[in-house]
Amino acid sequence: MNHYEHALHFVLWGKWDDLFTLMLRSNDDILRKRIEQFLHAYYYSINHHEIIERHDQLIEYIDHAMKINDHHSLNV
């Protein structure tokens, strides 16, 4: 499993501690930033729309990165 697959698994199963650890270890700056924004909203925001928006942005980025990663691995 790569970082994106791990991130998707952690998000879908609500494993926030593991997601935080992945954020610290990832080399993908955008993934780290999306995770940070989501976790910050989840723990500190009282606005449910913001939490859902950050969650959706994280999922969208993971999906996008997985497609790019798959495309690159097929061309190798």
C-alpha atoms as a PDB file:
ATOM      1  CA  MET A   1       0.000   0.000   0.000  1.00  0.00           C
ATOM      2  CA  ASN A   2       1.228   3.471  -0.813  1.00  0.00           C
ATOM      3  CA  HIS A   3       0.563   6.613   1.226  1.00  0.00           C
ATOM      4  CA  TYR A   4      -2.561   7.451  -0.744  1.00  0.00           C
ATOM      5  CA  GLU A   5      -4.123   4.044  -0.157  1.00  0.00           C
ATOM      6  CA  HIS A   6      -3.279   4.300   3.536  1.00  0.00           C
ATOM      7  CA  ALA A   7      -4.745   7.801   3.705  1.00  0.00           C
ATOM      8  CA  LEU A   8      -7.974   6.652   2.052  1.00  0.00           C
ATOM      9  CA  HIS A   9      -8.241   3.711   4.439  1.00  0.00           C
ATOM     10  CA  PHE A  10      -7.653   5.925   7.488  1.00  0.00           C
ATOM     11  CA  VAL A  11     -10.198   8.513   6.344  1.00  0.00           C
ATOM     12  CA  LEU A  12     -12.886   5.957   5.544  1.00  0.00           C
ATOM     13  CA  TRP A  13     -12.462   4.146   8.853  1.00  0.00           C
ATOM     14  CA  GLY A  14     -12.004   7.257  11.025  1.00  0.00           C
ATOM     15  CA  LYS A  15      -8.473   6.394  12.132  1.00  0.00           C
ATOM     16  CA  TRP A  16      -7.460   9.975  12.872  1.00  0.00           C
ATOM     17  CA  ASP A  17      -4.327   9.111  14.887  1.00  0.00           C
ATOM     18  CA  ASP A  18      -3.010   7.015  12.005  1.00  0.00           C
ATOM     19  CA  LEU A  19      -3.944   9.768   9.554  1.00  0.00           C
ATOM     20  CA  PHE A  20      -2.012  12.274  11.662  1.00  0.00           C
ATOM     21  CA  THR A  21       1.036   9.996  11.686  1.00  0.00           C
ATOM     22  CA  LEU A  22       0.801   9.620   7.915  1.00  0.00           C
ATOM     23  CA  MET A  23       0.630  13.399   7.604  1.00  0.00           C
ATOM     24  CA  LEU A  24       3.932  13.669   9.456  1.00  0.00           C
ATOM     25  CA  ARG A  25       5.625  10.994   7.336  1.00  0.00           C
ATOM     26  CA  SER A  26       4.347  11.794   3.857  1.00  0.00           C
ATOM     27  CA  ASN A  27       6.591  13.407   1.259  1.00  0.00           C
ATOM     28  CA  ASP A  28       3.574  14.819  -0.592  1.00  0.00           C
ATOM     29  CA  ASP A  29       3.174  18.398   0.627  1.00  0.00           C
ATOM     30  CA  ILE A  30      -0.352  18.734  -0.742  1.00  0.00           C
ATOM     31  CA  LEU A  31      -1.486  15.526   0.952  1.00  0.00           C
ATOM     32  CA  ARG A  32       0.039  16.716   4.218  1.00  0.00           C
ATOM     33  CA  LYS A  33      -1.734  20.077   3.915  1.00  0.00           C
ATOM     34  CA  ARG A  34      -5.118  18.500   3.095  1.00  0.00           C
ATOM     35  CA  ILE A  35      -4.823  16.122   6.054  1.00  0.00           C
ATOM     36  CA  GLU A  36      -3.836  19.000   8.333  1.00  0.00           C
ATOM     37  CA  GLN A  37      -6.791  21.113   7.183  1.00  0.00           C
ATOM     38  CA  PHE A  38      -9.237  18.257   7.650  1.00  0.00           C
ATOM     39  CA  LEU A  39      -7.989  17.264  11.097  1.00  0.00           C
ATOM     40  CA  HIS A  40      -7.970  20.892  12.240  1.00  0.00           C
ATOM     41  CA  ALA A  41     -11.562  21.345  11.082  1.00  0.00           C
ATOM     42  CA  TYR A  42     -12.616  18.030  12.602  1.00  0.00           C
ATOM     43  CA  TYR A  43     -11.201  18.799  16.029  1.00  0.00           C
ATOM     44  CA  TYR A  44     -11.711  22.570  16.277  1.00  0.00           C
ATOM     45  CA  SER A  45     -14.479  23.737  13.953  1.00  0.00           C
ATOM     46  CA  ILE A  46     -18.064  24.018  15.128  1.00  0.00           C
ATOM     47  CA  ASN A  47     -19.165  24.547  11.528  1.00  0.00           C
ATOM     48  CA  HIS A  48     -20.252  21.161  10.138  1.00  0.00           C
ATOM     49  CA  HIS A  49     -20.116  22.484   6.577  1.00  0.00           C
ATOM     50  CA  GLU A  50     -16.418  23.249   6.969  1.00  0.00           C
ATOM     51  CA  ILE A  51     -15.694  19.752   8.301  1.00  0.00           C
ATOM     52  CA  ILE A  52     -17.549  18.131   5.413  1.00  0.00           C
ATOM     53  CA  GLU A  53     -15.872  20.434   2.892  1.00  0.00           C
ATOM     54  CA  ARG A  54     -12.382  19.618   4.229  1.00  0.00           C
ATOM     55  CA  HIS A  55     -13.226  15.908   4.287  1.00  0.00           C
ATOM     56  CA  ASP A  56     -14.403  16.042   0.666  1.00  0.00           C
ATOM     57  CA  GLN A  57     -11.312  18.000  -0.404  1.00  0.00           C
ATOM     58  CA  LEU A  58      -9.078  15.398   1.198  1.00  0.00           C
ATOM     59  CA  ILE A  59     -10.923  12.511  -0.488  1.00  0.00           C
ATOM     60  CA  GLU A  60     -10.842  14.292  -3.859  1.00  0.00           C
ATOM     61  CA  TYR A  61      -7.109  14.907  -3.604  1.00  0.00           C
ATOM     62  CA  ILE A  62      -6.406  11.295  -2.593  1.00  0.00           C
ATOM     63  CA  ASP A  63      -8.479  10.071  -5.551  1.00  0.00           C
ATOM     64  CA  HIS A  64      -6.650  12.439  -7.910  1.00  0.00           C
ATOM     65  CA  ALA A  65      -3.207  11.445  -6.594  1.00  0.00           C
ATOM     66  CA  MET A  66      -4.013   7.732  -6.825  1.00  0.00           C
ATOM     67  CA  LYS A  67      -5.017   8.137 -10.486  1.00  0.00           C
ATOM     68  CA  ILE A  68      -1.802   9.995 -11.273  1.00  0.00           C
ATOM     69  CA  ASN A  69       0.233   7.440  -9.343  1.00  0.00           C
ATOM     70  CA  ASP A  70      -1.441   4.563 -11.237  1.00  0.00           C
ATOM     71  CA  HIS A  71      -0.872   6.315 -14.556  1.00  0.00           C
ATOM     72  CA  HIS A  72       2.847   6.729 -13.824  1.00  0.00           C
ATOM     73  CA  SER A  73       3.245   3.122 -12.713  1.00  0.00           C
ATOM     74  CA  LEU A  74       1.624   1.901 -15.958  1.00  0.00           C
ATOM     75  CA  ASN A  75       4.080   3.905 -18.052  1.00  0.00           C
ATOM     76  CA  VAL A  76       7.156   2.511 -16.305  1.00  0.00           C
END
